[in-house]
Each structure stands twice: as structure tokens, then as C-alpha cells.
Amino acid sequence: MSSDQPDARPTYLYPAGPAVIVDPYSSGALYAPALTAAGVPVVAVLSAPQPPEVYAASYRPHDFAETVVVTGDTGPAVTRLRELRPRCVLPGTESGVEVADAIAPLVVPERANVPGLAAARRHKGEMAAAVRRAGLPVPAQLCTADPDEVARWLVASGLTGRDLVIKPPKSAGTDGVTRVRAGGDWRAAFFGLLGTRNQLGIPNDRVLVQEYVSGDEYVVDTFSHDGRHTVADVCRYRKIDNGGHMAVYESMDWLPPDAPEVTEVVAYARAVLDAVGLRFGAAHTEIMRTPDGCRLIEVAARPHGGGHPRFCRVATGDSQLDRAVRHLTGGTVPTGYTLRRHVRVVFLISRAAGTVTNAEILDGVHTVPSLLHASIGVRTGDRIEVTTDLFGSLDLGFAVLAHEDPAVVEADHRRIRQLEGGLRVRPADDDRRTGVARR
């Protein structure tokens, strides 16, 4: 159950300046308390005056000694940060990746990612192209604003009449990811995204069209320094189709490092991180393990979101954030990890839109024996949507289960689904017309 070799390299002595976190939202909000507890001051850089709505609740401005707002030109922020002599510049979440990548080479070049590959760390089309250039297999895909180009590409690629995935090139949390089944109308999905804004407020000026690949999906969470990628955990996702929506999260399990597939997916993830030029910081690499081998879903140059580091500590005794803190304060970072407890996240799923009439049935989630944490976001009288993406799952609710016996976790998972199945949703008149309700 262990893969925990120490890093034998000499420790770099960092300056005594602050750590800078760009967009300290979602799991990135956990950097500040962890660093502060270790005696490291923390400065926030915001990529916009206000956080995106989906992250607003996680922002804690009082955790920071200073806040610098970037309004287009990064020059003033770079000038101020040079005065502070920070020890690092790290993105807290997806919306901060580009600004962090722009600032770090100018402020802390010895702890920056490869500048010429910055687009490959954020734009899914550029990402796949960089990984392909490195000789790694990726799903066939095209990023374009021209539907005629898509039609020609489908013919040339032999994908006509095959299942496809349509998604925004700069989204997060499976926002906008759509599966078009064989023979379906890919143009409707294409135009449904083109010209809209994703949940981070970024315009979808192009759309990514991709071959659909199937298999088991994994995520490899890493902390890198000096180009060396240490593995904090490996998890396996289970996703389901919910009506016409693909990539809806059902559950996520932490895997032991000696699980048969871990060696393969870790090797592929490390090669992907090299290909996109990631040399310093946390990363979150999602991989589909197909019958033909590993294929990249995407890599995010930031910590695993949704509060994952807190739950990872229970599973492994460590996390990406803890590794960052240890490295920045002269500690040793292991290259692998040890699984201490079986941990699973169970995501609630809404299969109908309308008004909830008996949310109290979900109180039973709090009684399952292996419960570590529950976040239930729905009450009687709330109007809810059909779950379409990870943001919707987190809004509705989830439970984190942890136990030494995996059979207990399995039983509690089944019990949560039974409770969820008893949730009653009364369609409103507008729900019957549109199939959508908002809360």
C-alpha cells in the first residue's frame, strides 16, 4: 500500500518573502491557512476584480496580507511582486492559471513553468497538440469556429457517424462537455457552445470537437519542483450519462499505489506534464485508460478542486498543498504516497428539474457509518436543475466516505443512492416546457 520514496535532492533555500496565490478559490483557498500555519505570509493576486460566481463562496480575502488585482496589463502586478520578493507564484484554481504563468517567469523565473508552452497548460486544443508532439497518444480532435472545417475533418479522420465529444477549450468542472452519439446532430451541440460564455466567464470563441474514447478514467494529482513530478494521490472516477449529459460525476475513489493500473497512468501523467512544460506547482491530470492504452482527457496546472486536499489527508496523510508548504519551507517531499484508509466521494445527482418537496430524506446521509463529510446543498422548496456537470454536482451535494473496510464504504454508497432515489421533485409548468429549472 506504499510508494513513498523520499526526494534525495538538496533543498533549495527560499527567500523569506510571501507565497503568491493567483485566484485563491476552490481548493486554492486552502493554501493560505496552510502556509500561514507554517509561518509563510501569503499574498493574493486576482485575475479579475471579483471571483467567478462559481468560486465566489470559497474566497476568503482576510486570509491575505495583501491583495493585488490584475486589470488586463500584468505590469503593475509584476512591479509590486518584485518588491515583495516572493518565494513562489502559484495558481489557486483554473481561472488563475494564465495570469500565474504570465507573472511567474518575470518574478520567480527559477520556479516558473516553461513560458513558451503556457497555452498548452490552459487551452485544451493547444494542450493535446503539445502532448501529441511529445509522442504520446491523445484522442483525435479539432478546435475551430468553422463548422465546415469540422465536417471536412470528420470525413478525413474517419469519424463520420462515430460518437463525438464537444466541449469548450477553456472551461473547468466538465462545464459544457457534451456527448454526441453516433449519427446525432453535432452541429446543434457545436452552435450551442460557440459564442457563449463558460461558467468562468470566458467566451467560447472556438469549440473543441473530439473523438469519444471509453475506458476507466483516472486522475493523477502531483506536486512538481525543479521539473520533478511527485505523486500525491491517484483516484479513479466513475462518471455516468444523465439524460443527454455526459461526464456527470457519480463517485471517486483513492487508489492504493500498488493497484495494477497505477504504474501505467502515473508514467503517462508524468510524460504529459513534461510535454506541457510544467516544472513547478500542483497539477491535476485526467486520463482515460482505454483498451489501446492511456489517452489524455486534460491536465490542469492547479490543485485538485472541490476541497480535495482535505480529504486526501485522510486517505494518504498528505496532499498537494501540504507538499507545496513543505517544499517552500525547506522540508522533504516524497515522490510517491501511501494509502491509509479507503476514501470515496459520492456525488448526488438530480435526474429531474423542479421543486424539491422532501429534502429532509437526505438527512439520512449523515447517519451512514463511514461518513467523513457531507455537504447537502438542497432544502425543501428549492428548485433544482438536472445535474449536467461537476459544478452542478457540488451545488446539489456530495458525501465523503472513509473506512478501513472497503465493504463498509460500498454499503454506505448504496444507502446514499437509496436516499437520493427517494427525493421527490415536483415539475413546475416552466419545467415541463423547458426541462430546466434553476435554484
Protein backbone atom coordinates (compact mmCIF):
# COMPACT_ATOMS: atom_id res chain seq x y z
CA MET A 1 0.00 0.00 0.00
CA SER A 2 3.06 2.29 -0.04
CA SER A 3 5.05 4.12 -2.69
CA ASP A 4 6.76 6.78 -0.65
CA GLN A 5 10.43 7.26 -1.53
CA PRO A 6 11.99 10.48 -0.22
CA ASP A 7 13.40 13.08 -2.56
CA ALA A 8 17.17 12.92 -2.06
CA ARG A 9 17.93 16.21 -3.84
CA PRO A 10 19.34 19.07 -1.75
CA THR A 11 16.71 21.52 -0.55
CA TYR A 12 16.66 24.97 -2.14
CA LEU A 13 16.66 27.79 0.43
CA TYR A 14 13.80 30.09 -0.48
CA PRO A 15 13.73 33.81 0.27
CA ALA A 16 11.69 34.86 3.29
CA GLY A 17 9.13 36.66 1.16
CA PRO A 18 5.49 35.69 0.75
CA ALA A 19 3.89 32.97 -1.30
CA VAL A 20 1.66 34.43 -4.00
CA ILE A 21 -1.59 32.63 -4.87
CA VAL A 22 -3.38 33.71 -8.04
CA ASP A 23 -7.16 33.34 -7.71
CA PRO A 24 -7.19 31.58 -4.31
CA TYR A 25 -10.54 29.91 -4.86
CA SER A 26 -11.89 26.36 -4.53
CA SER A 27 -9.05 24.18 -3.16
CA GLY A 28 -6.67 27.08 -3.79
CA ALA A 29 -8.30 28.82 -0.82
CA LEU A 30 -6.65 26.17 1.38
CA TYR A 31 -3.15 27.42 0.54
CA ALA A 32 -3.40 30.47 2.79
CA PRO A 33 -4.21 28.77 6.12
CA ALA A 34 -1.66 26.01 5.48
CA LEU A 35 1.12 28.44 4.57
CA THR A 36 0.25 30.84 7.39
CA ALA A 37 0.41 28.00 9.91
CA ALA A 38 3.92 27.24 8.62
CA GLY A 39 4.99 30.86 9.12
CA VAL A 40 4.80 31.90 5.45
CA PRO A 41 2.97 35.15 4.64
CA VAL A 42 0.54 34.94 1.74
CA VAL A 43 -0.39 37.49 -0.92
CA ALA A 44 -3.38 37.11 -3.25
CA VAL A 45 -3.39 38.10 -6.90
CA LEU A 46 -6.81 38.27 -8.53
CA SER A 47 -7.19 37.85 -12.28
CA ALA A 48 -10.37 39.97 -12.14
CA PRO A 49 -11.81 42.37 -9.55
CA GLN A 50 -14.36 39.72 -8.46
CA PRO A 51 -14.11 35.92 -8.49
CA PRO A 52 -16.23 33.96 -10.95
CA GLU A 53 -19.66 33.25 -9.47
CA VAL A 54 -18.95 29.51 -9.21
CA TYR A 55 -15.96 30.22 -6.94
CA ALA A 56 -17.18 33.28 -5.02
CA ALA A 57 -18.23 31.38 -1.87
CA SER A 58 -14.72 29.95 -1.40
CA TYR A 59 -12.85 33.29 -1.47
CA ARG A 60 -11.53 34.43 1.94
CA PRO A 61 -9.94 37.86 1.43
CA HIS A 62 -8.99 38.26 5.10
CA ASP A 63 -6.53 35.37 4.79
CA PHE A 64 -4.09 37.53 2.81
CA ALA A 65 -1.57 40.13 3.89
CA GLU A 66 -2.12 41.97 0.61
CA THR A 67 -4.27 41.62 -2.50
CA VAL A 68 -3.18 42.70 -5.97
CA VAL A 69 -5.78 42.90 -8.75
CA VAL A 70 -4.76 42.43 -12.38
CA THR A 71 -6.85 44.52 -14.76
CA GLY A 72 -5.60 43.49 -18.17
CA ASP A 73 -1.97 44.60 -18.00
CA THR A 74 0.13 42.47 -15.64
CA GLY A 75 2.88 45.11 -15.49
CA PRO A 76 1.79 46.82 -12.24
CA ALA A 77 1.33 43.46 -10.54
CA VAL A 78 4.79 42.31 -11.64
CA THR A 79 6.33 45.55 -10.30
CA ARG A 80 4.67 45.14 -6.91
CA LEU A 81 5.53 41.45 -6.62
CA ARG A 82 9.18 42.10 -7.45
CA GLU A 83 9.23 44.50 -4.50
CA LEU A 84 7.86 41.75 -2.26
CA ARG A 85 10.45 39.18 -3.44
CA PRO A 86 8.03 36.22 -3.20
CA ARG A 87 9.18 32.66 -2.90
CA CYS A 88 6.63 31.43 -5.49
CA VAL A 89 3.65 32.33 -7.67
CA LEU A 90 1.01 29.58 -7.77
CA PRO A 91 -2.48 29.41 -9.32
CA GLY A 92 -5.21 28.52 -6.87
CA THR A 93 -7.73 27.42 -9.46
CA GLU A 94 -8.34 27.27 -13.19
CA SER A 95 -9.14 30.95 -13.65
CA GLY A 96 -5.71 31.88 -12.27
CA VAL A 97 -3.54 29.62 -14.42
CA GLU A 98 -2.88 32.05 -17.26
CA VAL A 99 -2.07 35.03 -15.03
CA ALA A 100 0.20 32.91 -12.82
CA ASP A 101 2.01 31.62 -15.91
CA ALA A 102 2.45 35.19 -17.18
CA ILE A 103 3.76 36.58 -13.89
CA ALA A 104 5.97 33.78 -12.53
CA PRO A 105 8.73 33.91 -15.20
CA LEU A 106 9.12 37.65 -14.55
CA VAL A 107 9.13 37.42 -10.76
CA VAL A 108 10.43 33.95 -9.79
CA PRO A 109 11.97 32.55 -13.01
CA GLU A 110 13.71 29.71 -11.18
CA ARG A 111 10.27 28.43 -10.04
CA ALA A 112 8.27 29.05 -13.21
CA ASN A 113 6.87 26.76 -15.85
CA VAL A 114 8.14 26.82 -19.46
CA PRO A 115 6.85 30.17 -20.83
CA GLY A 116 6.65 29.03 -24.44
CA LEU A 117 4.19 26.27 -23.51
CA ALA A 118 1.84 28.41 -21.42
CA ALA A 119 -1.08 27.92 -23.84
CA ALA A 120 -0.70 24.13 -23.51
CA ARG A 121 -1.37 24.40 -19.78
CA ARG A 122 -4.75 26.06 -20.21
CA HIS A 123 -6.21 25.66 -23.72
CA LYS A 124 -7.38 22.10 -24.33
CA GLY A 125 -6.61 22.22 -28.05
CA GLU A 126 -3.06 23.50 -27.53
CA MET A 127 -2.66 21.02 -24.69
CA ALA A 128 -3.44 18.00 -26.86
CA ALA A 129 -1.20 19.31 -29.65
CA ALA A 130 1.76 19.64 -27.26
CA VAL A 131 1.20 16.16 -25.86
CA ARG A 132 0.94 14.72 -29.37
CA ARG A 133 4.20 16.45 -30.38
CA ALA A 134 5.86 14.73 -27.44
CA GLY A 135 4.93 11.38 -28.97
CA LEU A 136 2.10 10.50 -26.59
CA PRO A 137 -1.26 9.22 -27.85
CA VAL A 138 -4.24 11.57 -27.48
CA PRO A 139 -7.81 11.44 -28.82
CA ALA A 140 -8.23 12.85 -32.33
CA GLN A 141 -9.61 16.38 -32.10
CA LEU A 142 -10.08 19.71 -33.81
CA CYS A 143 -10.52 23.18 -32.29
CA THR A 144 -12.27 25.62 -34.60
CA ALA A 145 -15.06 28.15 -35.06
CA ASP A 146 -15.87 26.84 -38.55
CA PRO A 147 -18.47 24.04 -38.80
CA ASP A 148 -17.48 23.35 -42.40
CA GLU A 149 -13.95 22.64 -41.20
CA VAL A 150 -15.41 20.17 -38.69
CA ALA A 151 -17.37 18.41 -41.44
CA ARG A 152 -14.24 18.03 -43.59
CA TRP A 153 -12.19 16.87 -40.60
CA LEU A 154 -14.73 14.22 -39.63
CA VAL A 155 -14.50 12.71 -43.10
CA ALA A 156 -10.70 12.91 -43.24
CA SER A 157 -10.37 11.41 -39.74
CA GLY A 158 -12.80 8.58 -40.35
CA LEU A 159 -15.05 9.83 -37.55
CA THR A 160 -18.21 10.39 -39.57
CA GLY A 161 -21.05 8.58 -37.84
CA ARG A 162 -18.97 7.96 -34.69
CA ASP A 163 -19.60 9.15 -31.13
CA LEU A 164 -18.08 12.59 -30.52
CA VAL A 165 -17.36 14.91 -27.61
CA ILE A 166 -17.99 18.65 -28.00
CA LYS A 167 -16.61 20.99 -25.34
CA PRO A 168 -15.25 24.50 -24.70
CA PRO A 169 -11.47 24.86 -24.96
CA LYS A 170 -11.07 26.78 -21.67
CA SER A 171 -13.80 25.52 -19.36
CA ALA A 172 -13.50 23.77 -15.99
CA GLY A 173 -15.51 21.25 -13.99
CA THR A 174 -16.89 19.44 -17.09
CA ASP A 175 -18.79 22.64 -17.91
CA GLY A 176 -20.23 22.43 -21.42
CA VAL A 177 -18.96 18.91 -22.15
CA THR A 178 -21.45 17.19 -24.46
CA ARG A 179 -21.51 13.72 -25.96
CA VAL A 180 -22.99 13.45 -29.44
CA ARG A 181 -23.93 9.86 -30.12
CA ALA A 182 -23.29 8.21 -33.47
CA GLY A 183 -25.48 9.79 -36.12
CA GLY A 184 -26.52 12.64 -33.78
CA ASP A 185 -26.61 16.33 -34.65
CA TRP A 186 -23.12 17.53 -33.77
CA ARG A 187 -23.89 20.93 -35.34
CA ALA A 188 -26.54 21.65 -32.70
CA ALA A 189 -24.03 20.97 -29.91
CA PHE A 190 -21.35 22.96 -31.74
CA PHE A 191 -23.53 26.05 -32.18
CA GLY A 192 -24.90 25.62 -28.66
CA LEU A 193 -21.42 26.45 -27.36
CA LEU A 194 -19.94 28.76 -29.98
CA GLY A 195 -20.22 32.40 -28.94
CA THR A 196 -21.48 31.65 -25.42
CA ARG A 197 -19.55 32.15 -22.18
CA ASN A 198 -18.50 29.32 -19.93
CA GLN A 199 -19.01 29.35 -16.17
CA LEU A 200 -15.70 31.16 -15.67
CA GLY A 201 -16.98 33.99 -17.89
CA ILE A 202 -14.64 33.14 -20.79
CA PRO A 203 -16.11 33.44 -24.31
CA ASN A 204 -16.24 30.22 -26.31
CA ASP A 205 -14.80 31.76 -29.45
CA ARG A 206 -13.90 28.29 -30.71
CA VAL A 207 -15.17 24.81 -29.95
CA LEU A 208 -13.27 21.58 -29.43
CA VAL A 209 -14.59 18.56 -31.33
CA GLN A 210 -13.08 15.27 -30.20
CA GLU A 211 -13.43 11.56 -30.83
CA TYR A 212 -15.20 9.80 -27.98
CA VAL A 213 -12.94 7.41 -26.10
CA SER A 214 -14.10 4.97 -23.44
CA GLY A 215 -12.46 3.07 -20.64
CA ASP A 216 -11.70 3.72 -16.97
CA GLU A 217 -10.95 7.32 -16.02
CA TYR A 218 -8.24 8.28 -13.55
CA VAL A 219 -6.78 11.43 -12.10
CA VAL A 220 -3.16 11.81 -11.03
CA ASP A 221 -2.54 14.64 -8.57
CA THR A 222 1.02 15.89 -8.40
CA PHE A 223 3.28 18.50 -6.90
CA SER A 224 6.30 19.35 -9.03
CA HIS A 225 9.54 21.16 -8.24
CA ASP A 226 12.62 21.55 -10.42
CA GLY A 227 10.75 19.61 -13.10
CA ARG A 228 10.37 16.57 -10.85
CA HIS A 229 6.76 15.35 -10.54
CA THR A 230 5.89 13.83 -7.17
CA VAL A 231 2.60 11.90 -6.94
CA ALA A 232 0.31 12.88 -4.06
CA ASP A 233 -2.54 10.52 -5.00
CA VAL A 234 -4.22 8.61 -7.81
CA CYS A 235 -8.02 8.44 -7.94
CA ARG A 236 -10.45 6.60 -10.17
CA TYR A 237 -13.57 8.40 -11.37
CA ARG A 238 -16.91 6.86 -12.15
CA LYS A 239 -18.96 9.10 -14.45
CA ILE A 240 -22.36 8.45 -15.94
CA ASP A 241 -24.65 9.84 -18.60
CA ASN A 242 -27.53 11.76 -17.02
CA GLY A 243 -30.12 12.08 -19.74
CA GLY A 244 -28.34 13.80 -22.60
CA HIS A 245 -25.47 14.96 -20.40
CA MET A 246 -22.22 13.01 -20.25
CA ALA A 247 -19.39 13.27 -17.73
CA VAL A 248 -21.65 13.60 -14.69
CA TYR A 249 -19.68 12.52 -11.63
CA GLU A 250 -21.05 9.50 -9.77
CA SER A 251 -18.13 8.74 -7.43
CA MET A 252 -14.38 8.98 -6.96
CA ASP A 253 -12.07 6.52 -5.15
CA TRP A 254 -8.50 6.92 -3.90
CA LEU A 255 -6.40 4.01 -5.16
CA PRO A 256 -3.51 2.22 -3.44
CA PRO A 257 -0.18 2.88 -5.15
CA ASP A 258 0.23 -0.85 -5.86
CA ALA A 259 -3.04 -1.11 -7.80
CA PRO A 260 -2.16 -2.72 -11.17
CA GLU A 261 -3.10 0.30 -13.30
CA VAL A 262 -1.37 2.98 -11.21
CA THR A 263 2.12 2.50 -12.64
CA GLU A 264 0.82 2.95 -16.19
CA VAL A 265 -1.30 6.04 -15.55
CA VAL A 266 1.42 7.70 -13.43
CA ALA A 267 4.04 7.20 -16.15
CA TYR A 268 1.69 8.69 -18.74
CA ALA A 269 0.80 11.63 -16.44
CA ARG A 270 4.45 12.47 -15.81
CA ALA A 271 5.15 12.43 -19.54
CA VAL A 272 2.16 14.74 -20.12
CA LEU A 273 3.44 17.22 -17.52
CA ASP A 274 6.81 17.28 -19.25
CA ALA A 275 5.08 17.79 -22.60
CA VAL A 276 3.15 20.87 -21.41
CA GLY A 277 6.19 22.36 -19.69
CA LEU A 278 5.04 22.09 -16.08
CA ARG A 279 8.05 22.38 -13.79
CA PHE A 280 6.72 23.87 -10.55
CA GLY A 281 3.45 23.62 -8.67
CA ALA A 282 0.38 21.43 -8.36
CA ALA A 283 -1.25 19.71 -11.32
CA HIS A 284 -4.34 17.61 -11.87
CA THR A 285 -4.11 15.23 -14.85
CA GLU A 286 -7.20 13.34 -16.03
CA ILE A 287 -6.57 10.21 -18.10
CA MET A 288 -8.79 7.66 -19.80
CA ARG A 289 -7.27 4.18 -19.73
CA THR A 290 -8.67 2.62 -22.90
CA PRO A 291 -8.12 -0.88 -24.35
CA ASP A 292 -5.47 0.78 -26.54
CA GLY A 293 -3.67 2.46 -23.64
CA CYS A 294 -3.80 5.80 -21.85
CA ARG A 295 -5.35 8.85 -23.50
CA LEU A 296 -5.34 12.38 -22.13
CA ILE A 297 -8.63 13.94 -21.12
CA GLU A 298 -6.98 17.13 -19.86
CA VAL A 299 -4.36 18.48 -17.50
CA ALA A 300 -4.96 21.40 -15.16
CA ALA A 301 -1.96 23.30 -13.77
CA ARG A 302 -3.52 23.81 -10.32
CA PRO A 303 -4.64 21.75 -7.32
CA HIS A 304 -7.47 19.24 -7.49
CA GLY A 305 -10.61 21.27 -6.73
CA GLY A 306 -13.64 20.75 -4.55
CA GLY A 307 -11.71 20.69 -1.27
CA HIS A 308 -9.88 17.53 -2.37
CA PRO A 309 -6.69 18.20 -0.31
CA ARG A 310 -8.63 17.97 2.98
CA PHE A 311 -9.96 14.53 2.07
CA CYS A 312 -6.67 13.40 0.59
CA ARG A 313 -5.05 13.93 4.00
CA VAL A 314 -7.44 11.33 5.42
CA ALA A 315 -6.70 8.87 2.61
CA THR A 316 -2.91 9.31 2.45
CA GLY A 317 -1.83 11.57 5.30
CA ASP A 318 -0.65 14.12 2.73
CA SER A 319 -1.84 16.33 -0.14
CA GLN A 320 -0.58 18.51 -2.98
CA LEU A 321 -0.91 21.60 -0.80
CA ASP A 322 0.96 20.04 2.11
CA ARG A 323 3.80 19.13 -0.26
CA ALA A 324 3.97 22.68 -1.55
CA VAL A 325 4.19 24.03 2.00
CA ARG A 326 6.91 21.56 2.99
CA HIS A 327 8.97 22.31 -0.09
CA LEU A 328 8.64 26.08 0.38
CA THR A 329 9.80 25.80 4.00
CA GLY A 330 12.77 23.52 3.38
CA GLY A 331 11.10 20.18 4.04
CA THR A 332 11.37 16.90 2.14
CA VAL A 333 8.75 15.89 -0.41
CA PRO A 334 8.26 12.17 -1.13
CA THR A 335 7.96 11.04 -4.73
CA GLY A 336 5.02 8.69 -4.03
CA TYR A 337 2.28 8.16 -1.47
CA THR A 338 0.78 5.63 0.94
CA LEU A 339 -2.92 4.77 1.17
CA ARG A 340 -4.03 4.71 4.80
CA ARG A 341 -7.82 4.47 4.51
CA HIS A 342 -10.36 3.69 1.81
CA VAL A 343 -11.92 7.02 0.83
CA ARG A 344 -14.70 7.61 -1.68
CA VAL A 345 -16.63 10.71 -2.70
CA VAL A 346 -20.26 10.07 -3.67
CA PHE A 347 -21.82 12.88 -5.72
CA LEU A 348 -25.55 13.49 -5.55
CA ILE A 349 -27.28 13.53 -8.93
CA SER A 350 -30.54 15.21 -9.90
CA ARG A 351 -32.31 13.40 -12.70
CA ALA A 352 -35.28 15.77 -12.86
CA ALA A 353 -35.82 19.53 -12.72
CA GLY A 354 -38.38 21.17 -10.49
CA THR A 355 -39.18 21.90 -6.83
CA VAL A 356 -37.92 19.57 -4.09
CA THR A 357 -40.69 18.54 -1.69
CA ASN A 358 -38.89 16.25 0.80
CA ALA A 359 -35.21 17.25 1.08
CA GLU A 360 -35.23 16.01 4.69
CA ILE A 361 -34.84 12.47 3.33
CA LEU A 362 -31.21 13.35 2.64
CA ASP A 363 -30.65 13.85 6.38
CA GLY A 364 -30.07 10.09 6.36
CA VAL A 365 -26.74 10.70 4.63
CA HIS A 366 -25.42 11.95 7.97
CA THR A 367 -26.12 8.59 9.62
CA VAL A 368 -24.05 6.23 7.45
CA PRO A 369 -21.20 4.65 9.45
CA SER A 370 -18.30 5.67 7.21
CA LEU A 371 -19.28 9.31 6.76
CA LEU A 372 -16.35 11.69 6.94
CA HIS A 373 -18.00 14.79 5.49
CA ALA A 374 -21.34 15.69 3.92
CA SER A 375 -22.30 18.80 2.02
CA ILE A 376 -26.01 18.82 1.18
CA GLY A 377 -26.97 21.91 -0.79
CA VAL A 378 -30.70 21.36 -1.28
CA ARG A 379 -33.67 22.07 1.01
CA THR A 380 -37.39 21.51 0.72
CA GLY A 381 -38.84 24.21 -1.50
CA ASP A 382 -35.67 24.66 -3.56
CA ARG A 383 -35.91 24.44 -7.33
CA ILE A 384 -33.13 22.33 -8.78
CA GLU A 385 -31.71 21.58 -12.20
CA VAL A 386 -30.89 18.30 -13.85
CA THR A 387 -27.23 17.66 -12.99
CA THR A 388 -25.11 18.35 -16.06
CA ASP A 389 -21.57 18.97 -14.78
CA LEU A 390 -19.31 18.99 -11.71
CA PHE A 391 -20.41 22.47 -10.66
CA GLY A 392 -23.99 21.19 -10.54
CA SER A 393 -22.92 18.15 -8.53
CA LEU A 394 -21.12 20.27 -5.95
CA ASP A 395 -24.09 22.62 -5.74
CA LEU A 396 -26.52 19.76 -5.10
CA GLY A 397 -24.29 17.96 -2.63
CA PHE A 398 -21.80 15.18 -2.00
CA ALA A 399 -20.65 12.84 0.75
CA VAL A 400 -17.12 11.72 1.58
CA LEU A 401 -16.86 8.20 2.99
CA ALA A 402 -13.78 6.85 4.77
CA HIS A 403 -13.21 3.49 6.47
CA GLU A 404 -10.59 0.79 6.92
CA ASP A 405 -13.02 -1.78 5.47
CA PRO A 406 -13.96 -1.15 1.81
CA ALA A 407 -17.14 -3.22 2.26
CA VAL A 408 -18.46 -0.61 4.70
CA VAL A 409 -17.81 2.13 2.14
CA GLU A 410 -19.64 0.11 -0.55
CA ALA A 411 -22.67 -0.43 1.68
CA ASP A 412 -22.86 3.23 2.63
CA HIS A 413 -22.59 4.24 -1.03
CA ARG A 414 -25.62 2.07 -1.82
CA ARG A 415 -27.53 3.58 1.09
CA ILE A 416 -26.88 7.12 -0.15
CA ARG A 417 -28.21 6.21 -3.59
CA GLN A 418 -31.33 4.74 -1.96
CA LEU A 419 -31.90 8.00 -0.08
CA GLU A 420 -31.32 10.03 -3.23
CA GLY A 421 -33.81 7.82 -5.09
CA GLY A 422 -36.48 8.79 -2.57
CA LEU A 423 -36.05 12.51 -3.27
CA ARG A 424 -39.25 13.91 -4.78
CA VAL A 425 -39.10 16.69 -7.34
CA ARG A 426 -42.34 18.34 -8.48
CA PRO A 427 -42.10 19.73 -12.01
CA ALA A 428 -43.29 23.31 -12.42
CA ASP A 429 -45.13 24.49 -15.52
CA ASP A 430 -41.99 26.10 -16.91
CA ASP A 431 -40.06 22.90 -16.17
CA ARG A 432 -42.44 20.89 -18.35
CA ARG A 433 -41.91 23.31 -21.20
CA THR A 434 -38.13 23.68 -20.98
CA GLY A 435 -36.88 20.73 -18.97
CA VAL A 436 -34.83 23.15 -16.86
CA ALA A 437 -35.31 24.84 -13.52
CA ARG A 438 -32.88 26.96 -11.57
CA ARG A 439 -32.27 27.36 -7.89
